[in-house]
Amino acid sequence: MSTTSKSIFSFLAGAATVVAAGAFLSSKNGKKVTRTVADRLQNIKRHTEDGLDSDWINELSDSAIHSAKNFRNKMKL
């Protein structure tokens, strides 16, 4: 297989993965998964705020929640 055909195959596989992920996340089960992940991140943030006063942990959880919301908006969920 030539390098060009490998690149095209890799691109098509990646595109198919993105389409499949988008279809799953827009389904009823996908929405449950995204809500569960977001809820767990918020619970982790809440517990770290209660138990530890480490700024870097709070920033990390804020960043993860923000990234999850951006991903959800980009996927139009």
C-alpha atoms as a PDB file:
ATOM      1  CA  MET A   1       0.000   0.000   0.000  1.00  0.00           C
ATOM      2  CA  SER A   2       1.428   3.357  -0.942  1.00  0.00           C
ATOM      3  CA  THR A   3       1.751   6.247   1.461  1.00  0.00           C
ATOM      4  CA  THR A   4      -1.021   8.179  -0.299  1.00  0.00           C
ATOM      5  CA  SER A   5      -3.506   5.346  -0.051  1.00  0.00           C
ATOM      6  CA  LYS A   6      -2.606   4.832   3.634  1.00  0.00           C
ATOM      7  CA  SER A   7      -3.244   8.536   4.264  1.00  0.00           C
ATOM      8  CA  ILE A   8      -6.583   8.422   2.461  1.00  0.00           C
ATOM      9  CA  PHE A   9      -7.569   5.261   4.365  1.00  0.00           C
ATOM     10  CA  SER A  10      -6.585   6.879   7.685  1.00  0.00           C
ATOM     11  CA  PHE A  11      -8.587   9.992   6.852  1.00  0.00           C
ATOM     12  CA  LEU A  12     -11.666   7.980   5.895  1.00  0.00           C
ATOM     13  CA  ALA A  13     -11.399   5.857   9.044  1.00  0.00           C
ATOM     14  CA  GLY A  14     -11.132   9.011  11.173  1.00  0.00           C
ATOM     15  CA  ALA A  15     -14.064  10.640   9.408  1.00  0.00           C
ATOM     16  CA  ALA A  16     -16.180   7.513   9.880  1.00  0.00           C
ATOM     17  CA  THR A  17     -15.274   7.470  13.575  1.00  0.00           C
ATOM     18  CA  VAL A  18     -16.319  11.114  13.999  1.00  0.00           C
ATOM     19  CA  VAL A  19     -19.616  10.497  12.208  1.00  0.00           C
ATOM     20  CA  ALA A  20     -20.314   7.391  14.298  1.00  0.00           C
ATOM     21  CA  ALA A  21     -19.445   9.223  17.533  1.00  0.00           C
ATOM     22  CA  GLY A  22     -21.696  12.116  16.546  1.00  0.00           C
ATOM     23  CA  ALA A  23     -24.562   9.773  15.767  1.00  0.00           C
ATOM     24  CA  PHE A  24     -24.105   7.940  19.064  1.00  0.00           C
ATOM     25  CA  LEU A  25     -23.845  11.115  21.139  1.00  0.00           C
ATOM     26  CA  SER A  26     -26.981  12.546  19.553  1.00  0.00           C
ATOM     27  CA  SER A  27     -28.943   9.387  20.365  1.00  0.00           C
ATOM     28  CA  LYS A  28     -30.842   8.875  23.608  1.00  0.00           C
ATOM     29  CA  ASN A  29     -28.121   6.640  25.059  1.00  0.00           C
ATOM     30  CA  GLY A  30     -25.404   9.066  23.965  1.00  0.00           C
ATOM     31  CA  LYS A  31     -27.114  11.925  25.746  1.00  0.00           C
ATOM     32  CA  LYS A  32     -27.276   9.806  28.900  1.00  0.00           C
ATOM     33  CA  VAL A  33     -23.547   9.114  28.611  1.00  0.00           C
ATOM     34  CA  THR A  34     -22.660  12.782  28.172  1.00  0.00           C
ATOM     35  CA  ARG A  35     -24.878  13.772  31.112  1.00  0.00           C
ATOM     36  CA  THR A  36     -23.329  11.053  33.275  1.00  0.00           C
ATOM     37  CA  VAL A  37     -19.815  12.210  32.408  1.00  0.00           C
ATOM     38  CA  ALA A  38     -20.701  15.859  33.075  1.00  0.00           C
ATOM     39  CA  ASP A  39     -22.362  14.960  36.386  1.00  0.00           C
ATOM     40  CA  ARG A  40     -19.344  12.936  37.487  1.00  0.00           C
ATOM     41  CA  LEU A  41     -17.011  15.792  36.623  1.00  0.00           C
ATOM     42  CA  GLN A  42     -19.161  18.186  38.640  1.00  0.00           C
ATOM     43  CA  ASN A  43     -19.216  15.744  41.575  1.00  0.00           C
ATOM     44  CA  ILE A  44     -15.437  15.402  41.413  1.00  0.00           C
ATOM     45  CA  LYS A  45     -15.124  19.170  41.407  1.00  0.00           C
ATOM     46  CA  ARG A  46     -17.502  19.491  44.340  1.00  0.00           C
ATOM     47  CA  HIS A  47     -15.628  16.853  46.349  1.00  0.00           C
ATOM     48  CA  THR A  48     -12.241  18.393  45.610  1.00  0.00           C
ATOM     49  CA  GLU A  49     -13.521  21.784  46.713  1.00  0.00           C
ATOM     50  CA  ASP A  50     -14.795  20.245  49.963  1.00  0.00           C
ATOM     51  CA  GLY A  51     -11.762  18.068  50.695  1.00  0.00           C
ATOM     52  CA  LEU A  52      -8.819  19.922  49.200  1.00  0.00           C
ATOM     53  CA  ASP A  53      -7.996  23.512  48.529  1.00  0.00           C
ATOM     54  CA  SER A  54      -5.672  22.816  45.639  1.00  0.00           C
ATOM     55  CA  ASP A  55      -6.129  25.428  42.944  1.00  0.00           C
ATOM     56  CA  TRP A  56      -4.674  23.236  40.208  1.00  0.00           C
ATOM     57  CA  ILE A  57      -7.279  20.509  40.809  1.00  0.00           C
ATOM     58  CA  ASN A  58     -10.102  23.054  40.624  1.00  0.00           C
ATOM     59  CA  GLU A  59      -8.678  24.543  37.433  1.00  0.00           C
ATOM     60  CA  LEU A  60      -8.337  21.073  35.933  1.00  0.00           C
ATOM     61  CA  SER A  61     -11.951  20.181  36.701  1.00  0.00           C
ATOM     62  CA  ASP A  62     -13.163  23.566  35.434  1.00  0.00           C
ATOM     63  CA  SER A  63     -11.229  22.995  32.232  1.00  0.00           C
ATOM     64  CA  ALA A  64     -12.669  19.491  31.821  1.00  0.00           C
ATOM     65  CA  ILE A  65     -16.236  20.709  32.364  1.00  0.00           C
ATOM     66  CA  HIS A  66     -15.681  23.593  29.949  1.00  0.00           C
ATOM     67  CA  SER A  67     -14.227  21.200  27.353  1.00  0.00           C
ATOM     68  CA  ALA A  68     -17.175  18.830  27.754  1.00  0.00           C
ATOM     69  CA  LYS A  69     -19.633  21.697  27.261  1.00  0.00           C
ATOM     70  CA  ASN A  70     -17.750  22.918  24.179  1.00  0.00           C
ATOM     71  CA  PHE A  71     -17.711  19.405  22.738  1.00  0.00           C
ATOM     72  CA  ARG A  72     -21.426  19.072  23.385  1.00  0.00           C
ATOM     73  CA  ASN A  73     -22.107  22.416  21.664  1.00  0.00           C
ATOM     74  CA  LYS A  74     -19.924  21.541  18.674  1.00  0.00           C
ATOM     75  CA  MET A  75     -21.704  18.208  18.271  1.00  0.00           C
ATOM     76  CA  LYS A  76     -25.024  20.095  18.634  1.00  0.00           C
ATOM     77  CA  LEU A  77     -26.317  17.873  21.426  1.00  0.00           C
END
